[in-house]
Amino acid sequence: MCAPSWKNGSSDGLNFWEKPLDKLDRAEWEALCDGCGKCCLHKAEDEDTGRVYPTNVACRLLDRHSGQCSNYSERRRFVPDCVRLTPQKVKTISWLPRTCAYRLRGEGKPLPSWHYLISGDREAVHRAKESVRGWTIAEADAGDWENHLVDREL
């Protein structure tokens, strides 16, 4: 598959995903997402310690095969607590997956080789087993989220 058309399209010689997050335009920001879907898994918080634990329970809007939101433009209408990522929020959200492109770039780290902006292949995230495909459960089928805590790093 060919690399995305915007690769090396910046006047400063940088790929847009190598720029600081606060320098990205809206289209570049949205394109940075690798489509893993892991940020759309529900979390359980320990009331005593405040520690956040990931579950395998997918948000009701998450397409568990593609890793994409099924109603992205109106997601906040249906899921009011859906977090809208911004360059500022990325710095403060500790539960973002370790492979999240927003987190990585916010930390000044490069994108992984399987990221579609590097590989040119949207399926690479799934082949690398870095997405929600194949191990998550639909919110409607989950029951008690505490029964779905995962023992894997996201």
C-alpha atoms as a PDB file:
ATOM      1  CA  MET A   1       0.000   0.000   0.000  1.00  0.00           C
ATOM      2  CA  CYS A   2       1.254   3.495  -0.774  1.00  0.00           C
ATOM      3  CA  ALA A   3       2.178   5.911   1.975  1.00  0.00           C
ATOM      4  CA  PRO A   4      -0.388   8.612   2.771  1.00  0.00           C
ATOM      5  CA  SER A   5      -0.378  11.523   0.346  1.00  0.00           C
ATOM      6  CA  TRP A   6       0.579  14.109   2.980  1.00  0.00           C
ATOM      7  CA  LYS A   7       3.871  12.415   3.894  1.00  0.00           C
ATOM      8  CA  ASN A   8       6.750  14.910   3.788  1.00  0.00           C
ATOM      9  CA  GLY A   9       4.303  17.574   2.674  1.00  0.00           C
ATOM     10  CA  SER A  10       5.360  20.168   5.233  1.00  0.00           C
ATOM     11  CA  SER A  11       7.274  23.263   4.172  1.00  0.00           C
ATOM     12  CA  ASP A  12       9.720  22.756   7.056  1.00  0.00           C
ATOM     13  CA  GLY A  13      10.640  19.259   5.855  1.00  0.00           C
ATOM     14  CA  LEU A  14       8.955  17.502   8.772  1.00  0.00           C
ATOM     15  CA  ASN A  15       6.166  15.011   8.391  1.00  0.00           C
ATOM     16  CA  PHE A  16       3.191  16.603  10.114  1.00  0.00           C
ATOM     17  CA  TRP A  17       3.168  13.893  12.791  1.00  0.00           C
ATOM     18  CA  GLU A  18       6.691  14.903  13.804  1.00  0.00           C
ATOM     19  CA  LYS A  19       5.563  18.437  14.665  1.00  0.00           C
ATOM     20  CA  PRO A  20       4.629  19.422  18.234  1.00  0.00           C
ATOM     21  CA  LEU A  21       0.989  18.567  18.923  1.00  0.00           C
ATOM     22  CA  ASP A  22       0.005  22.195  19.396  1.00  0.00           C
ATOM     23  CA  LYS A  23       1.234  22.978  15.862  1.00  0.00           C
ATOM     24  CA  LEU A  24      -1.094  20.498  14.132  1.00  0.00           C
ATOM     25  CA  ASP A  25      -4.157  21.724  12.288  1.00  0.00           C
ATOM     26  CA  ARG A  26      -7.498  19.956  12.823  1.00  0.00           C
ATOM     27  CA  ALA A  27      -7.076  17.532   9.895  1.00  0.00           C
ATOM     28  CA  GLU A  28      -3.540  16.619  10.984  1.00  0.00           C
ATOM     29  CA  TRP A  29      -4.704  16.133  14.580  1.00  0.00           C
ATOM     30  CA  GLU A  30      -7.480  13.777  13.515  1.00  0.00           C
ATOM     31  CA  ALA A  31      -5.146  11.904  11.142  1.00  0.00           C
ATOM     32  CA  LEU A  32      -2.731  11.194  13.992  1.00  0.00           C
ATOM     33  CA  CYS A  33      -5.110   8.616  15.509  1.00  0.00           C
ATOM     34  CA  ASP A  34      -4.022   5.066  14.629  1.00  0.00           C
ATOM     35  CA  GLY A  35      -7.510   3.594  15.048  1.00  0.00           C
ATOM     36  CA  CYS A  36      -6.571   1.134  17.788  1.00  0.00           C
ATOM     37  CA  GLY A  37      -9.756   1.910  19.755  1.00  0.00           C
ATOM     38  CA  LYS A  38      -8.084   1.277  23.124  1.00  0.00           C
ATOM     39  CA  CYS A  39      -8.943   4.742  24.419  1.00  0.00           C
ATOM     40  CA  CYS A  40     -12.617   3.812  23.904  1.00  0.00           C
ATOM     41  CA  LEU A  41     -12.516   0.945  26.385  1.00  0.00           C
ATOM     42  CA  HIS A  42     -14.234   1.575  29.687  1.00  0.00           C
ATOM     43  CA  LYS A  43     -12.104   2.002  32.762  1.00  0.00           C
ATOM     44  CA  ALA A  44     -12.847   1.074  36.361  1.00  0.00           C
ATOM     45  CA  GLU A  45     -11.554   3.337  39.118  1.00  0.00           C
ATOM     46  CA  ASP A  46     -10.682   2.112  42.596  1.00  0.00           C
ATOM     47  CA  GLU A  47     -12.664   4.423  44.886  1.00  0.00           C
ATOM     48  CA  ASP A  48     -10.075   4.150  47.667  1.00  0.00           C
ATOM     49  CA  THR A  49      -6.876   4.686  45.695  1.00  0.00           C
ATOM     50  CA  GLY A  50      -8.091   6.489  42.571  1.00  0.00           C
ATOM     51  CA  ARG A  51      -6.158   4.014  40.430  1.00  0.00           C
ATOM     52  CA  VAL A  52      -7.693   3.440  37.007  1.00  0.00           C
ATOM     53  CA  TYR A  53      -7.888  -0.105  35.644  1.00  0.00           C
ATOM     54  CA  PRO A  54      -8.596  -0.914  32.002  1.00  0.00           C
ATOM     55  CA  THR A  55     -11.373  -3.301  31.016  1.00  0.00           C
ATOM     56  CA  ASN A  56     -12.151  -5.127  27.796  1.00  0.00           C
ATOM     57  CA  VAL A  57     -15.575  -3.449  27.661  1.00  0.00           C
ATOM     58  CA  ALA A  58     -15.971  -1.304  24.557  1.00  0.00           C
ATOM     59  CA  CYS A  59     -17.924   1.928  24.453  1.00  0.00           C
ATOM     60  CA  ARG A  60     -21.278   1.360  22.792  1.00  0.00           C
ATOM     61  CA  LEU A  61     -20.221   3.503  19.827  1.00  0.00           C
ATOM     62  CA  LEU A  62     -16.948   1.686  19.193  1.00  0.00           C
ATOM     63  CA  ASP A  63     -16.790  -0.562  16.143  1.00  0.00           C
ATOM     64  CA  ARG A  64     -14.751  -3.372  17.704  1.00  0.00           C
ATOM     65  CA  HIS A  65     -13.566  -4.620  14.309  1.00  0.00           C
ATOM     66  CA  SER A  66     -12.303  -1.354  12.821  1.00  0.00           C
ATOM     67  CA  GLY A  67     -11.330   0.362  16.082  1.00  0.00           C
ATOM     68  CA  GLN A  68     -13.243   3.466  14.972  1.00  0.00           C
ATOM     69  CA  CYS A  69     -16.146   5.314  16.545  1.00  0.00           C
ATOM     70  CA  SER A  70     -19.382   4.518  14.739  1.00  0.00           C
ATOM     71  CA  ASN A  71     -20.703   8.063  15.231  1.00  0.00           C
ATOM     72  CA  TYR A  72     -17.617  10.189  15.779  1.00  0.00           C
ATOM     73  CA  SER A  73     -19.108  13.560  14.847  1.00  0.00           C
ATOM     74  CA  GLU A  74     -21.981  13.170  17.339  1.00  0.00           C
ATOM     75  CA  ARG A  75     -20.315  10.935  19.938  1.00  0.00           C
ATOM     76  CA  ARG A  76     -20.636  13.441  22.784  1.00  0.00           C
ATOM     77  CA  ARG A  77     -24.392  13.579  22.262  1.00  0.00           C
ATOM     78  CA  PHE A  78     -24.655   9.830  22.862  1.00  0.00           C
ATOM     79  CA  VAL A  79     -21.731   9.425  25.281  1.00  0.00           C
ATOM     80  CA  PRO A  80     -21.545  12.701  27.243  1.00  0.00           C
ATOM     81  CA  ASP A  81     -18.419  11.686  29.172  1.00  0.00           C
ATOM     82  CA  CYS A  82     -16.464  10.863  26.006  1.00  0.00           C
ATOM     83  CA  VAL A  83     -13.147  12.673  26.337  1.00  0.00           C
ATOM     84  CA  ARG A  84     -12.201  15.055  23.551  1.00  0.00           C
ATOM     85  CA  LEU A  85      -8.427  14.948  23.333  1.00  0.00           C
ATOM     86  CA  THR A  86      -6.504  18.193  23.002  1.00  0.00           C
ATOM     87  CA  PRO A  87      -2.758  18.865  23.158  1.00  0.00           C
ATOM     88  CA  GLN A  88      -3.266  20.108  26.722  1.00  0.00           C
ATOM     89  CA  LYS A  89      -5.347  17.115  27.866  1.00  0.00           C
ATOM     90  CA  VAL A  90      -2.892  14.603  26.399  1.00  0.00           C
ATOM     91  CA  LYS A  91      -0.341  15.816  28.951  1.00  0.00           C
ATOM     92  CA  THR A  92      -2.651  15.101  31.885  1.00  0.00           C
ATOM     93  CA  ILE A  93      -4.501  11.884  30.973  1.00  0.00           C
ATOM     94  CA  SER A  94      -2.563   9.020  32.519  1.00  0.00           C
ATOM     95  CA  TRP A  95      -4.763   6.243  31.122  1.00  0.00           C
ATOM     96  CA  LEU A  96      -4.002   6.865  27.448  1.00  0.00           C
ATOM     97  CA  PRO A  97      -2.589   3.672  25.938  1.00  0.00           C
ATOM     98  CA  ARG A  98       1.217   3.459  25.899  1.00  0.00           C
ATOM     99  CA  THR A  99       1.072   3.176  22.092  1.00  0.00           C
ATOM    100  CA  CYS A 100      -1.336   6.105  21.581  1.00  0.00           C
ATOM    101  CA  ALA A 101       0.073   8.409  18.912  1.00  0.00           C
ATOM    102  CA  TYR A 102      -1.102  11.466  20.836  1.00  0.00           C
ATOM    103  CA  ARG A 103       0.665  10.259  23.964  1.00  0.00           C
ATOM    104  CA  LEU A 104       3.831   9.256  22.099  1.00  0.00           C
ATOM    105  CA  ARG A 105       4.094  12.545  20.224  1.00  0.00           C
ATOM    106  CA  GLY A 106       3.255  14.502  23.376  1.00  0.00           C
ATOM    107  CA  GLU A 107       6.240  12.771  24.996  1.00  0.00           C
ATOM    108  CA  GLY A 108       8.431  13.566  21.984  1.00  0.00           C
ATOM    109  CA  LYS A 109       8.604   9.904  20.920  1.00  0.00           C
ATOM    110  CA  PRO A 110       8.285   8.575  17.356  1.00  0.00           C
ATOM    111  CA  LEU A 111       5.301   6.675  16.032  1.00  0.00           C
ATOM    112  CA  PRO A 112       5.629   2.873  15.977  1.00  0.00           C
ATOM    113  CA  SER A 113       6.416   1.097  12.716  1.00  0.00           C
ATOM    114  CA  TRP A 114       2.891  -0.326  12.489  1.00  0.00           C
ATOM    115  CA  HIS A 115       1.213   3.112  12.657  1.00  0.00           C
ATOM    116  CA  TYR A 116      -0.538   3.689   9.341  1.00  0.00           C
ATOM    117  CA  LEU A 117       1.236   7.014   8.824  1.00  0.00           C
ATOM    118  CA  ILE A 118       4.534   5.102   8.855  1.00  0.00           C
ATOM    119  CA  SER A 119       3.462   1.812   7.263  1.00  0.00           C
ATOM    120  CA  GLY A 120       0.824   3.185   4.885  1.00  0.00           C
ATOM    121  CA  ASP A 121      -1.471   0.357   5.990  1.00  0.00           C
ATOM    122  CA  ARG A 122      -4.560   0.834   8.191  1.00  0.00           C
ATOM    123  CA  GLU A 123      -4.610  -2.905   8.978  1.00  0.00           C
ATOM    124  CA  ALA A 124      -1.073  -2.901  10.423  1.00  0.00           C
ATOM    125  CA  VAL A 125      -2.321  -1.826  13.877  1.00  0.00           C
ATOM    126  CA  HIS A 126      -4.539  -4.923  13.964  1.00  0.00           C
ATOM    127  CA  ARG A 127      -1.858  -7.326  12.712  1.00  0.00           C
ATOM    128  CA  ALA A 128       0.483  -5.970  15.386  1.00  0.00           C
ATOM    129  CA  LYS A 129      -2.208  -6.883  17.966  1.00  0.00           C
ATOM    130  CA  GLU A 130      -2.271  -3.271  19.150  1.00  0.00           C
ATOM    131  CA  SER A 131      -5.996  -2.726  18.633  1.00  0.00           C
ATOM    132  CA  VAL A 132      -9.279  -3.758  20.251  1.00  0.00           C
ATOM    133  CA  ARG A 133      -9.991  -6.299  17.528  1.00  0.00           C
ATOM    134  CA  GLY A 134     -10.645  -9.804  18.797  1.00  0.00           C
ATOM    135  CA  TRP A 135     -10.442  -9.391  22.591  1.00  0.00           C
ATOM    136  CA  THR A 136     -13.127  -6.929  23.627  1.00  0.00           C
ATOM    137  CA  ILE A 137     -16.788  -7.233  24.545  1.00  0.00           C
ATOM    138  CA  ALA A 138     -19.705  -4.969  23.694  1.00  0.00           C
ATOM    139  CA  GLU A 139     -20.930  -2.712  26.485  1.00  0.00           C
ATOM    140  CA  ALA A 140     -24.464  -4.125  26.139  1.00  0.00           C
ATOM    141  CA  ASP A 141     -23.188  -7.678  26.768  1.00  0.00           C
ATOM    142  CA  ALA A 142     -20.694  -6.992  29.543  1.00  0.00           C
ATOM    143  CA  GLY A 143     -22.646  -6.796  32.770  1.00  0.00           C
ATOM    144  CA  ASP A 144     -20.468  -5.753  35.728  1.00  0.00           C
ATOM    145  CA  TRP A 145     -17.320  -4.076  34.425  1.00  0.00           C
ATOM    146  CA  GLU A 146     -15.357  -5.304  37.442  1.00  0.00           C
ATOM    147  CA  ASN A 147     -15.616  -8.780  35.903  1.00  0.00           C
ATOM    148  CA  HIS A 148     -13.834  -7.485  32.802  1.00  0.00           C
ATOM    149  CA  LEU A 149     -10.642  -5.957  34.186  1.00  0.00           C
ATOM    150  CA  VAL A 150      -7.722  -6.790  31.923  1.00  0.00           C
ATOM    151  CA  ASP A 151      -4.274  -7.854  32.967  1.00  0.00           C
ATOM    152  CA  ARG A 152      -2.573  -6.385  29.937  1.00  0.00           C
ATOM    153  CA  GLU A 153      -0.912  -3.087  29.373  1.00  0.00           C
ATOM    154  CA  LEU A 154      -2.828  -0.887  26.994  1.00  0.00           C
END
